[in-house]
Amino acid sequence: MKVLRPLKVTDAMLVACNLPETDHAAWAPATTYARGAFVISPASHTVYRSLQDGNLGHDPDAEQAALADPLIDDPEPVQWQVIGATNRWRLFDGKPSRRAAAEGSIVIELEPGAVVSGVAGFEISASSVSVSLTHAGETVYERSIAMQDETVVTDGFGYYFEPITELTEFVLADLPPYIGRLRIEIARPGGGVSAGQLVAGPVWTLGKTATRGTGFSGVDFSYVQQDEFGDLTTVRRAATRLSTFDVLMPNAALLGFDARMRELRGRIAAVWIGAEDARQAAINYGFYRGYRNAYQADRFSVMSIEVQGIV
């Protein structure tokens, strides 16, 4: 059982990206915006929508900063509504359901300035993912992953007629301990690609995952609404996984385990890795809802961790 704690990606860390930040025109103080007009802020990498006609001289970033003032009770946006991150920065906004999209490939290069031992991606739509790490001009790590799930093919008929099923997530937790440049390429030659989240950071080993004690359930945020005449309206929304990891560890490691889990309190997102094979559905990008000592013997304990995925 491993935990990847993502590093926060900054402008200085993102040294190359083939996604232009041109979703909309950048906000300009001398431009008057109509209600419903979209702008972006290159400083905060955010897309905004105007809430008023005659919207002139109102900096959307400044308005958001004022709304975050703890001395303001029940703040409401006046001039601008936050839509979300720009296409480029959707890769790092902590919301996998909002995908960055491109034609052919998405390529990023990061210089974290620290050791990165794990990389993961979620809500991926592509034919392949390639990850490499260079240090002092030399490639010290290189891996490629075919994003196709072949387990759905169980016979000859399925080989020819079963539709291609994509793997939507991946994790690599074996990067060597070098400080260098990390390159991630998500590709589909001649087609469109998209990615909801890319994360990189240090990896903690918590213990050994008990295979039979690892499970998950689906959490669907969709709902069906019934009006007074009995007509039903279905609202389809995002879904995620609720994972339970049972981890075997020495009793002497319990205090250290508790300390590390406390570092992630407050619903800090991490990548929880029960198995690196994405087909086992034992990877979850989310926050822990709780943990408990499910069983304790003389020298070992089984800690049960419940993790809710982020949409």
C-alpha atoms as a PDB file:
ATOM      1  CA  MET A   1       0.000   0.000   0.000  1.00  0.00           C
ATOM      2  CA  LYS A   2       1.460   3.324  -1.091  1.00  0.00           C
ATOM      3  CA  VAL A   3       0.367   6.947  -0.941  1.00  0.00           C
ATOM      4  CA  LEU A   4       1.468   9.567  -3.482  1.00  0.00           C
ATOM      5  CA  ARG A   5       1.203  13.083  -2.120  1.00  0.00           C
ATOM      6  CA  PRO A   6       0.941  15.504  -5.066  1.00  0.00           C
ATOM      7  CA  LEU A   7       3.197  18.529  -5.277  1.00  0.00           C
ATOM      8  CA  LYS A   8       1.467  21.804  -6.062  1.00  0.00           C
ATOM      9  CA  VAL A   9       2.362  22.747  -9.633  1.00  0.00           C
ATOM     10  CA  THR A  10       3.389  26.399  -9.999  1.00  0.00           C
ATOM     11  CA  ASP A  11       4.206  28.602 -12.985  1.00  0.00           C
ATOM     12  CA  ALA A  12       7.904  28.234 -12.235  1.00  0.00           C
ATOM     13  CA  MET A  13       7.611  24.444 -12.088  1.00  0.00           C
ATOM     14  CA  LEU A  14       5.746  24.085 -15.405  1.00  0.00           C
ATOM     15  CA  VAL A  15       8.616  24.742 -17.812  1.00  0.00           C
ATOM     16  CA  ALA A  16       6.900  23.479 -20.989  1.00  0.00           C
ATOM     17  CA  CYS A  17       3.372  22.664 -22.160  1.00  0.00           C
ATOM     18  CA  ASN A  18       1.938  22.354 -25.657  1.00  0.00           C
ATOM     19  CA  LEU A  19      -1.522  23.569 -24.580  1.00  0.00           C
ATOM     20  CA  PRO A  20      -1.964  27.279 -25.346  1.00  0.00           C
ATOM     21  CA  GLU A  21      -3.764  29.359 -22.738  1.00  0.00           C
ATOM     22  CA  THR A  22      -6.138  30.935 -25.246  1.00  0.00           C
ATOM     23  CA  ASP A  23      -9.574  29.746 -24.076  1.00  0.00           C
ATOM     24  CA  HIS A  24     -10.830  33.363 -24.265  1.00  0.00           C
ATOM     25  CA  ALA A  25      -9.340  36.824 -24.449  1.00  0.00           C
ATOM     26  CA  ALA A  26      -7.501  38.008 -21.369  1.00  0.00           C
ATOM     27  CA  TRP A  27      -9.347  40.474 -19.145  1.00  0.00           C
ATOM     28  CA  ALA A  28      -8.481  44.066 -20.019  1.00  0.00           C
ATOM     29  CA  PRO A  29      -9.255  47.021 -17.702  1.00  0.00           C
ATOM     30  CA  ALA A  30     -10.227  49.302 -20.620  1.00  0.00           C
ATOM     31  CA  THR A  31     -12.717  46.860 -22.153  1.00  0.00           C
ATOM     32  CA  THR A  32     -16.429  46.927 -21.339  1.00  0.00           C
ATOM     33  CA  TYR A  33     -17.922  43.444 -21.003  1.00  0.00           C
ATOM     34  CA  ALA A  34     -21.544  42.450 -21.532  1.00  0.00           C
ATOM     35  CA  ARG A  35     -23.412  40.014 -19.336  1.00  0.00           C
ATOM     36  CA  GLY A  36     -22.328  36.478 -20.255  1.00  0.00           C
ATOM     37  CA  ALA A  37     -18.966  37.482 -21.756  1.00  0.00           C
ATOM     38  CA  PHE A  38     -16.030  35.207 -20.962  1.00  0.00           C
ATOM     39  CA  VAL A  39     -12.477  36.232 -20.118  1.00  0.00           C
ATOM     40  CA  ILE A  40      -9.411  34.551 -18.688  1.00  0.00           C
ATOM     41  CA  SER A  41      -6.881  35.703 -16.138  1.00  0.00           C
ATOM     42  CA  PRO A  42      -3.353  34.643 -17.168  1.00  0.00           C
ATOM     43  CA  ALA A  43      -2.199  35.425 -13.627  1.00  0.00           C
ATOM     44  CA  SER A  44      -4.542  33.000 -11.849  1.00  0.00           C
ATOM     45  CA  HIS A  45      -5.189  30.753 -14.904  1.00  0.00           C
ATOM     46  CA  THR A  46      -8.939  31.117 -14.353  1.00  0.00           C
ATOM     47  CA  VAL A  47     -11.913  31.477 -16.708  1.00  0.00           C
ATOM     48  CA  TYR A  48     -14.528  34.050 -15.643  1.00  0.00           C
ATOM     49  CA  ARG A  49     -17.990  34.974 -16.918  1.00  0.00           C
ATOM     50  CA  SER A  50     -19.396  38.482 -16.607  1.00  0.00           C
ATOM     51  CA  LEU A  51     -22.534  38.768 -14.464  1.00  0.00           C
ATOM     52  CA  GLN A  52     -23.381  42.345 -15.450  1.00  0.00           C
ATOM     53  CA  ASP A  53     -23.746  44.500 -18.543  1.00  0.00           C
ATOM     54  CA  GLY A  54     -21.386  47.466 -18.706  1.00  0.00           C
ATOM     55  CA  ASN A  55     -18.748  45.572 -16.747  1.00  0.00           C
ATOM     56  CA  LEU A  56     -15.802  47.995 -16.940  1.00  0.00           C
ATOM     57  CA  GLY A  57     -12.662  48.187 -14.844  1.00  0.00           C
ATOM     58  CA  HIS A  58     -13.558  45.407 -12.405  1.00  0.00           C
ATOM     59  CA  ASP A  59     -10.595  43.060 -12.011  1.00  0.00           C
ATOM     60  CA  PRO A  60     -12.011  39.516 -11.610  1.00  0.00           C
ATOM     61  CA  ASP A  61      -8.995  38.315  -9.604  1.00  0.00           C
ATOM     62  CA  ALA A  62      -9.317  41.288  -7.257  1.00  0.00           C
ATOM     63  CA  GLU A  63     -13.012  40.559  -6.758  1.00  0.00           C
ATOM     64  CA  GLN A  64     -12.262  36.944  -5.861  1.00  0.00           C
ATOM     65  CA  ALA A  65      -9.605  38.071  -3.387  1.00  0.00           C
ATOM     66  CA  ALA A  66     -12.126  40.407  -1.743  1.00  0.00           C
ATOM     67  CA  LEU A  67     -14.733  37.657  -1.555  1.00  0.00           C
ATOM     68  CA  ALA A  68     -12.193  35.486   0.266  1.00  0.00           C
ATOM     69  CA  ASP A  69     -11.893  38.087   3.029  1.00  0.00           C
ATOM     70  CA  PRO A  70     -12.985  36.327   6.255  1.00  0.00           C
ATOM     71  CA  LEU A  71     -14.494  39.582   7.541  1.00  0.00           C
ATOM     72  CA  ILE A  72     -17.163  39.521   4.805  1.00  0.00           C
ATOM     73  CA  ASP A  73     -20.271  37.568   5.772  1.00  0.00           C
ATOM     74  CA  ASP A  74     -21.860  35.409   3.046  1.00  0.00           C
ATOM     75  CA  PRO A  75     -19.921  36.952   0.149  1.00  0.00           C
ATOM     76  CA  GLU A  76     -21.491  36.812  -3.295  1.00  0.00           C
ATOM     77  CA  PRO A  77     -19.816  37.607  -6.634  1.00  0.00           C
ATOM     78  CA  VAL A  78     -21.024  40.893  -8.105  1.00  0.00           C
ATOM     79  CA  GLN A  79     -19.289  41.296 -11.437  1.00  0.00           C
ATOM     80  CA  TRP A  80     -17.704  37.934 -12.259  1.00  0.00           C
ATOM     81  CA  GLN A  81     -18.490  34.249 -11.893  1.00  0.00           C
ATOM     82  CA  VAL A  82     -15.651  31.724 -11.655  1.00  0.00           C
ATOM     83  CA  ILE A  83     -16.072  29.034 -14.327  1.00  0.00           C
ATOM     84  CA  GLY A  84     -12.898  27.072 -13.609  1.00  0.00           C
ATOM     85  CA  ALA A  85      -9.301  26.663 -14.640  1.00  0.00           C
ATOM     86  CA  THR A  86      -8.083  27.358 -18.161  1.00  0.00           C
ATOM     87  CA  ASN A  87      -7.598  24.395 -20.481  1.00  0.00           C
ATOM     88  CA  ARG A  88      -3.879  24.155 -19.689  1.00  0.00           C
ATOM     89  CA  TRP A  89      -4.274  24.364 -15.933  1.00  0.00           C
ATOM     90  CA  ARG A  90      -7.170  21.907 -15.715  1.00  0.00           C
ATOM     91  CA  LEU A  91      -4.388  19.322 -15.589  1.00  0.00           C
ATOM     92  CA  PHE A  92      -3.476  20.539 -12.097  1.00  0.00           C
ATOM     93  CA  ASP A  93      -6.665  22.035 -10.599  1.00  0.00           C
ATOM     94  CA  GLY A  94      -7.594  19.069  -8.391  1.00  0.00           C
ATOM     95  CA  LYS A  95     -10.809  18.359 -10.320  1.00  0.00           C
ATOM     96  CA  PRO A  96     -10.404  15.275 -12.542  1.00  0.00           C
ATOM     97  CA  SER A  97     -13.874  15.565 -14.087  1.00  0.00           C
ATOM     98  CA  ARG A  98     -12.870  18.824 -15.827  1.00  0.00           C
ATOM     99  CA  ARG A  99     -10.590  17.652 -18.595  1.00  0.00           C
ATOM    100  CA  ALA A 100      -7.929  19.453 -20.587  1.00  0.00           C
ATOM    101  CA  ALA A 101      -8.235  18.582 -24.279  1.00  0.00           C
ATOM    102  CA  ALA A 102      -6.069  18.726 -27.399  1.00  0.00           C
ATOM    103  CA  GLU A 103      -5.562  17.086 -30.766  1.00  0.00           C
ATOM    104  CA  GLY A 104      -2.883  14.437 -31.099  1.00  0.00           C
ATOM    105  CA  SER A 105      -1.084  14.846 -27.781  1.00  0.00           C
ATOM    106  CA  ILE A 106      -0.729  16.679 -24.486  1.00  0.00           C
ATOM    107  CA  VAL A 107       2.898  17.190 -23.486  1.00  0.00           C
ATOM    108  CA  ILE A 108       4.101  18.776 -20.255  1.00  0.00           C
ATOM    109  CA  GLU A 109       7.526  19.164 -18.678  1.00  0.00           C
ATOM    110  CA  LEU A 110       7.984  19.853 -14.988  1.00  0.00           C
ATOM    111  CA  GLU A 111      11.014  20.827 -12.933  1.00  0.00           C
ATOM    112  CA  PRO A 112       9.752  20.273  -9.374  1.00  0.00           C
ATOM    113  CA  GLY A 113      13.070  21.075  -7.693  1.00  0.00           C
ATOM    114  CA  ALA A 114      12.550  18.046  -5.457  1.00  0.00           C
ATOM    115  CA  VAL A 115      12.623  14.279  -5.674  1.00  0.00           C
ATOM    116  CA  VAL A 116       9.530  12.901  -7.398  1.00  0.00           C
ATOM    117  CA  SER A 117       9.068   9.159  -6.946  1.00  0.00           C
ATOM    118  CA  GLY A 118       5.529   8.815  -8.284  1.00  0.00           C
ATOM    119  CA  VAL A 119       3.378  10.030 -11.194  1.00  0.00           C
ATOM    120  CA  ALA A 120      -0.328   9.436 -11.777  1.00  0.00           C
ATOM    121  CA  GLY A 121      -3.062  10.518 -14.157  1.00  0.00           C
ATOM    122  CA  PHE A 122      -6.867  10.376 -13.999  1.00  0.00           C
ATOM    123  CA  GLU A 123      -9.754  10.710 -16.447  1.00  0.00           C
ATOM    124  CA  ILE A 124      -7.370  10.020 -19.323  1.00  0.00           C
ATOM    125  CA  SER A 125      -8.608   9.467 -22.868  1.00  0.00           C
ATOM    126  CA  ALA A 126      -5.659   8.462 -25.055  1.00  0.00           C
ATOM    127  CA  SER A 127      -3.965   5.494 -26.664  1.00  0.00           C
ATOM    128  CA  SER A 128      -0.696   5.803 -24.734  1.00  0.00           C
ATOM    129  CA  VAL A 129       1.080   7.626 -21.925  1.00  0.00           C
ATOM    130  CA  SER A 130       4.859   8.093 -21.797  1.00  0.00           C
ATOM    131  CA  VAL A 131       6.796   9.276 -18.747  1.00  0.00           C
ATOM    132  CA  SER A 132      10.492  10.113 -18.634  1.00  0.00           C
ATOM    133  CA  LEU A 133      12.855  11.721 -16.130  1.00  0.00           C
ATOM    134  CA  THR A 134      16.129  13.379 -17.072  1.00  0.00           C
ATOM    135  CA  HIS A 135      18.938  14.387 -14.724  1.00  0.00           C
ATOM    136  CA  ALA A 136      22.023  16.342 -15.779  1.00  0.00           C
ATOM    137  CA  GLY A 137      21.079  15.814 -19.403  1.00  0.00           C
ATOM    138  CA  GLU A 138      20.740  12.034 -19.123  1.00  0.00           C
ATOM    139  CA  THR A 139      17.533   9.989 -19.161  1.00  0.00           C
ATOM    140  CA  VAL A 140      17.346   8.072 -15.881  1.00  0.00           C
ATOM    141  CA  TYR A 141      13.777   6.780 -16.230  1.00  0.00           C
ATOM    142  CA  GLU A 142      11.482   6.008 -19.149  1.00  0.00           C
ATOM    143  CA  ARG A 143       8.181   4.133 -19.264  1.00  0.00           C
ATOM    144  CA  SER A 144       5.293   3.850 -21.713  1.00  0.00           C
ATOM    145  CA  ILE A 145       1.786   2.602 -20.941  1.00  0.00           C
ATOM    146  CA  ALA A 146      -0.780   1.378 -23.469  1.00  0.00           C
ATOM    147  CA  MET A 147      -4.099   2.844 -22.293  1.00  0.00           C
ATOM    148  CA  GLN A 148      -6.227  -0.066 -23.462  1.00  0.00           C
ATOM    149  CA  ASP A 149      -8.039  -2.570 -21.247  1.00  0.00           C
ATOM    150  CA  GLU A 150      -7.820  -5.969 -22.941  1.00  0.00           C
ATOM    151  CA  THR A 151      -9.485  -7.863 -20.087  1.00  0.00           C
ATOM    152  CA  VAL A 152     -12.893  -7.270 -21.709  1.00  0.00           C
ATOM    153  CA  VAL A 153     -11.878  -9.656 -24.525  1.00  0.00           C
ATOM    154  CA  THR A 154     -12.607 -13.187 -23.289  1.00  0.00           C
ATOM    155  CA  ASP A 155     -13.058 -15.136 -26.544  1.00  0.00           C
ATOM    156  CA  GLY A 156     -12.548 -15.005 -30.285  1.00  0.00           C
ATOM    157  CA  PHE A 157     -15.837 -13.228 -30.910  1.00  0.00           C
ATOM    158  CA  GLY A 158     -14.921 -10.494 -28.455  1.00  0.00           C
ATOM    159  CA  TYR A 159     -11.500 -10.082 -30.077  1.00  0.00           C
ATOM    160  CA  TYR A 160     -13.119  -9.023 -33.341  1.00  0.00           C
ATOM    161  CA  PHE A 161     -16.337  -7.357 -32.229  1.00  0.00           C
ATOM    162  CA  GLU A 162     -15.907  -6.067 -28.658  1.00  0.00           C
ATOM    163  CA  PRO A 163     -15.460  -2.268 -28.669  1.00  0.00           C
ATOM    164  CA  ILE A 164     -12.121  -0.938 -27.476  1.00  0.00           C
ATOM    165  CA  THR A 165     -12.194  -0.105 -23.777  1.00  0.00           C
ATOM    166  CA  GLU A 166      -9.759   2.532 -22.568  1.00  0.00           C
ATOM    167  CA  LEU A 167      -7.949   2.663 -19.264  1.00  0.00           C
ATOM    168  CA  THR A 168      -8.748   6.052 -17.768  1.00  0.00           C
ATOM    169  CA  GLU A 169      -6.045   6.183 -15.091  1.00  0.00           C
ATOM    170  CA  PHE A 170      -2.439   5.184 -14.497  1.00  0.00           C
ATOM    171  CA  VAL A 171       0.151   5.319 -11.756  1.00  0.00           C
ATOM    172  CA  LEU A 172       3.925   4.826 -11.724  1.00  0.00           C
ATOM    173  CA  ALA A 173       5.519   4.657  -8.281  1.00  0.00           C
ATOM    174  CA  ASP A 174       9.028   3.484  -9.141  1.00  0.00           C
ATOM    175  CA  LEU A 175      10.795   6.641 -10.305  1.00  0.00           C
ATOM    176  CA  PRO A 176      14.441   6.823  -9.153  1.00  0.00           C
ATOM    177  CA  PRO A 177      15.427   9.466  -6.541  1.00  0.00           C
ATOM    178  CA  TYR A 178      16.740  12.189  -8.855  1.00  0.00           C
ATOM    179  CA  ILE A 179      15.972  15.894  -8.983  1.00  0.00           C
ATOM    180  CA  GLY A 180      15.474  16.620 -12.659  1.00  0.00           C
ATOM    181  CA  ARG A 181      13.014  17.314 -15.457  1.00  0.00           C
ATOM    182  CA  LEU A 182       9.864  15.199 -15.656  1.00  0.00           C
ATOM    183  CA  ARG A 183       8.185  14.799 -19.042  1.00  0.00           C
ATOM    184  CA  ILE A 184       4.672  13.368 -19.520  1.00  0.00           C
ATOM    185  CA  GLU A 185       3.148  12.782 -22.950  1.00  0.00           C
ATOM    186  CA  ILE A 186      -0.460  11.701 -23.447  1.00  0.00           C
ATOM    187  CA  ALA A 187      -0.961  10.726 -27.081  1.00  0.00           C
ATOM    188  CA  ARG A 188      -3.384   9.474 -29.691  1.00  0.00           C
ATOM    189  CA  PRO A 189      -1.946   9.886 -33.204  1.00  0.00           C
ATOM    190  CA  GLY A 190      -4.556  11.406 -35.482  1.00  0.00           C
ATOM    191  CA  GLY A 191      -7.187  11.817 -32.774  1.00  0.00           C
ATOM    192  CA  GLY A 192      -8.241  13.826 -29.765  1.00  0.00           C
ATOM    193  CA  VAL A 193      -6.828  13.335 -26.274  1.00  0.00           C
ATOM    194  CA  SER A 194      -7.925  14.599 -22.880  1.00  0.00           C
ATOM    195  CA  ALA A 195      -6.768  14.410 -19.277  1.00  0.00           C
ATOM    196  CA  GLY A 196      -8.524  15.341 -16.071  1.00  0.00           C
ATOM    197  CA  GLN A 197      -5.593  15.397 -13.676  1.00  0.00           C
ATOM    198  CA  LEU A 198      -1.838  14.820 -13.642  1.00  0.00           C
ATOM    199  CA  VAL A 199      -0.064  14.535 -10.308  1.00  0.00           C
ATOM    200  CA  ALA A 200       3.524  13.957  -9.251  1.00  0.00           C
ATOM    201  CA  GLY A 201       5.214  13.822  -5.889  1.00  0.00           C
ATOM    202  CA  PRO A 202       6.841  11.726  -3.188  1.00  0.00           C
ATOM    203  CA  VAL A 203       5.518   8.246  -2.407  1.00  0.00           C
ATOM    204  CA  TRP A 204       5.024   6.801   1.065  1.00  0.00           C
ATOM    205  CA  THR A 205       4.864   3.065   1.709  1.00  0.00           C
ATOM    206  CA  LEU A 206       2.316   2.330   4.431  1.00  0.00           C
ATOM    207  CA  GLY A 207       2.377  -1.463   4.511  1.00  0.00           C
ATOM    208  CA  LYS A 208       1.130  -4.484   2.632  1.00  0.00           C
ATOM    209  CA  THR A 209      -2.353  -4.364   1.169  1.00  0.00           C
ATOM    210  CA  ALA A 210      -4.464  -7.350   2.114  1.00  0.00           C
ATOM    211  CA  THR A 211      -5.823  -8.382  -1.295  1.00  0.00           C
ATOM    212  CA  ARG A 212      -9.067  -9.798   0.032  1.00  0.00           C
ATOM    213  CA  GLY A 213      -9.555  -6.805   2.279  1.00  0.00           C
ATOM    214  CA  THR A 214      -9.415  -4.232  -0.507  1.00  0.00           C
ATOM    215  CA  GLY A 215     -12.723  -3.214  -2.008  1.00  0.00           C
ATOM    216  CA  PHE A 216     -14.596  -0.321  -3.514  1.00  0.00           C
ATOM    217  CA  SER A 217     -18.101   0.881  -4.226  1.00  0.00           C
ATOM    218  CA  GLY A 218     -19.469   3.397  -6.702  1.00  0.00           C
ATOM    219  CA  VAL A 219     -20.767   6.792  -5.639  1.00  0.00           C
ATOM    220  CA  ASP A 220     -23.080   8.431  -8.196  1.00  0.00           C
ATOM    221  CA  PHE A 221     -24.039  12.095  -7.777  1.00  0.00           C
ATOM    222  CA  SER A 222     -26.805  11.871 -10.368  1.00  0.00           C
ATOM    223  CA  TYR A 223     -30.411  11.972  -9.238  1.00  0.00           C
ATOM    224  CA  VAL A 224     -33.955  11.459 -10.476  1.00  0.00           C
ATOM    225  CA  GLN A 225     -36.513  14.169  -9.695  1.00  0.00           C
ATOM    226  CA  GLN A 226     -40.281  13.597  -9.756  1.00  0.00           C
ATOM    227  CA  ASP A 227     -42.737  16.434 -10.229  1.00  0.00           C
ATOM    228  CA  GLU A 228     -46.342  16.679  -8.991  1.00  0.00           C
ATOM    229  CA  PHE A 229     -47.640  14.875 -12.076  1.00  0.00           C
ATOM    230  CA  GLY A 230     -45.307  11.930 -11.615  1.00  0.00           C
ATOM    231  CA  ASP A 231     -43.030  12.851 -14.523  1.00  0.00           C
ATOM    232  CA  LEU A 232     -39.409  11.958 -13.931  1.00  0.00           C
ATOM    233  CA  THR A 233     -36.414  14.117 -14.799  1.00  0.00           C
ATOM    234  CA  THR A 234     -32.978  12.517 -14.687  1.00  0.00           C
ATOM    235  CA  VAL A 235     -29.986  14.729 -13.929  1.00  0.00           C
ATOM    236  CA  ARG A 236     -26.746  12.976 -14.845  1.00  0.00           C
ATOM    237  CA  ARG A 237     -23.746  14.049 -12.817  1.00  0.00           C
ATOM    238  CA  ALA A 238     -20.256  12.825 -12.051  1.00  0.00           C
ATOM    239  CA  ALA A 239     -19.494   9.588 -10.223  1.00  0.00           C
ATOM    240  CA  THR A 240     -16.542   8.425  -8.172  1.00  0.00           C
ATOM    241  CA  ARG A 241     -15.260   5.505  -6.115  1.00  0.00           C
ATOM    242  CA  LEU A 242     -15.316   4.918  -2.387  1.00  0.00           C
ATOM    243  CA  SER A 243     -12.374   2.626  -1.616  1.00  0.00           C
ATOM    244  CA  THR A 244     -11.545   0.603   1.469  1.00  0.00           C
ATOM    245  CA  PHE A 245      -7.921  -0.450   1.936  1.00  0.00           C
ATOM    246  CA  ASP A 246      -6.983  -2.985   4.611  1.00  0.00           C
ATOM    247  CA  VAL A 247      -3.273  -2.562   5.251  1.00  0.00           C
ATOM    248  CA  LEU A 248      -1.039  -4.941   7.233  1.00  0.00           C
ATOM    249  CA  MET A 249       1.738  -3.196   9.149  1.00  0.00           C
ATOM    250  CA  PRO A 250       3.959  -3.797  12.200  1.00  0.00           C
ATOM    251  CA  ASN A 251       2.640  -2.481  15.491  1.00  0.00           C
ATOM    252  CA  ALA A 252       5.883  -0.528  15.870  1.00  0.00           C
ATOM    253  CA  ALA A 253       4.885   1.518  12.801  1.00  0.00           C
ATOM    254  CA  LEU A 254       1.406   2.545  14.021  1.00  0.00           C
ATOM    255  CA  LEU A 255       2.462   5.868  15.560  1.00  0.00           C
ATOM    256  CA  GLY A 256       4.316   6.865  12.399  1.00  0.00           C
ATOM    257  CA  PHE A 257       1.300   5.839  10.316  1.00  0.00           C
ATOM    258  CA  ASP A 258      -0.975   8.007  12.452  1.00  0.00           C
ATOM    259  CA  ALA A 259       1.399  10.983  12.097  1.00  0.00           C
ATOM    260  CA  ARG A 260       1.431  10.708   8.312  1.00  0.00           C
ATOM    261  CA  MET A 261      -2.327  10.382   8.118  1.00  0.00           C
ATOM    262  CA  ARG A 262      -2.696  13.496  10.245  1.00  0.00           C
ATOM    263  CA  GLU A 263      -0.644  15.385   7.661  1.00  0.00           C
ATOM    264  CA  LEU A 264      -3.436  14.638   5.166  1.00  0.00           C
ATOM    265  CA  ARG A 265      -6.308  15.712   7.410  1.00  0.00           C
ATOM    266  CA  GLY A 266      -8.624  18.439   6.232  1.00  0.00           C
ATOM    267  CA  ARG A 267      -9.463  16.525   3.052  1.00  0.00           C
ATOM    268  CA  ILE A 268      -6.058  16.977   1.421  1.00  0.00           C
ATOM    269  CA  ALA A 269      -6.046  15.008  -1.820  1.00  0.00           C
ATOM    270  CA  ALA A 270      -3.567  12.192  -2.402  1.00  0.00           C
ATOM    271  CA  VAL A 271      -3.248   9.152  -4.642  1.00  0.00           C
ATOM    272  CA  TRP A 272      -3.952   5.960  -2.715  1.00  0.00           C
ATOM    273  CA  ILE A 273      -2.349   2.931  -4.370  1.00  0.00           C
ATOM    274  CA  GLY A 274      -3.485  -0.550  -3.383  1.00  0.00           C
ATOM    275  CA  ALA A 275      -2.070  -1.984  -6.632  1.00  0.00           C
ATOM    276  CA  GLU A 276      -0.337  -0.219  -9.514  1.00  0.00           C
ATOM    277  CA  ASP A 277      -2.298  -2.169 -12.129  1.00  0.00           C
ATOM    278  CA  ALA A 278      -5.158   0.205 -12.999  1.00  0.00           C
ATOM    279  CA  ARG A 279      -7.339  -2.714 -14.111  1.00  0.00           C
ATOM    280  CA  GLN A 280      -7.731  -3.808 -10.480  1.00  0.00           C
ATOM    281  CA  ALA A 281      -9.503  -0.528  -9.587  1.00  0.00           C
ATOM    282  CA  ALA A 282      -7.244  -0.276  -6.527  1.00  0.00           C
ATOM    283  CA  ILE A 283      -6.102   3.313  -7.212  1.00  0.00           C
ATOM    284  CA  ASN A 284      -8.024   6.293  -5.921  1.00  0.00           C
ATOM    285  CA  TYR A 285      -7.306  10.011  -6.131  1.00  0.00           C
ATOM    286  CA  GLY A 286      -9.072  11.549  -3.190  1.00  0.00           C
ATOM    287  CA  PHE A 287      -9.108  12.115   0.551  1.00  0.00           C
ATOM    288  CA  TYR A 288      -9.424   9.720   3.439  1.00  0.00           C
ATOM    289  CA  ARG A 289     -12.702   9.767   5.321  1.00  0.00           C
ATOM    290  CA  GLY A 290     -11.351   7.816   8.261  1.00  0.00           C
ATOM    291  CA  TYR A 291      -9.077   5.015   9.411  1.00  0.00           C
ATOM    292  CA  ARG A 292      -9.212   2.495  12.232  1.00  0.00           C
ATOM    293  CA  ASN A 293      -7.336  -0.419  13.677  1.00  0.00           C
ATOM    294  CA  ALA A 294      -9.493  -3.282  12.417  1.00  0.00           C
ATOM    295  CA  TYR A 295      -7.387  -6.046  13.968  1.00  0.00           C
ATOM    296  CA  GLN A 296      -4.305  -6.164  16.190  1.00  0.00           C
ATOM    297  CA  ALA A 297      -2.096  -9.144  17.069  1.00  0.00           C
ATOM    298  CA  ASP A 298       1.142  -9.354  19.045  1.00  0.00           C
ATOM    299  CA  ARG A 299       3.350  -7.852  16.348  1.00  0.00           C
ATOM    300  CA  PHE A 300       1.098  -6.774  13.463  1.00  0.00           C
ATOM    301  CA  SER A 301      -2.107  -4.831  12.928  1.00  0.00           C
ATOM    302  CA  VAL A 302      -4.574  -4.411  10.098  1.00  0.00           C
ATOM    303  CA  MET A 303      -5.472  -0.765   9.531  1.00  0.00           C
ATOM    304  CA  SER A 304      -8.644  -0.100   7.532  1.00  0.00           C
ATOM    305  CA  ILE A 305      -8.592   3.145   5.503  1.00  0.00           C
ATOM    306  CA  GLU A 306     -11.644   4.568   3.751  1.00  0.00           C
ATOM    307  CA  VAL A 307     -10.929   6.898   0.798  1.00  0.00           C
ATOM    308  CA  GLN A 308     -13.426   8.937  -1.229  1.00  0.00           C
ATOM    309  CA  GLY A 309     -12.473   9.865  -4.777  1.00  0.00           C
ATOM    310  CA  ILE A 310     -12.619  13.423  -6.096  1.00  0.00           C
ATOM    311  CA  VAL A 311     -14.744  14.302  -9.123  1.00  0.00           C
END
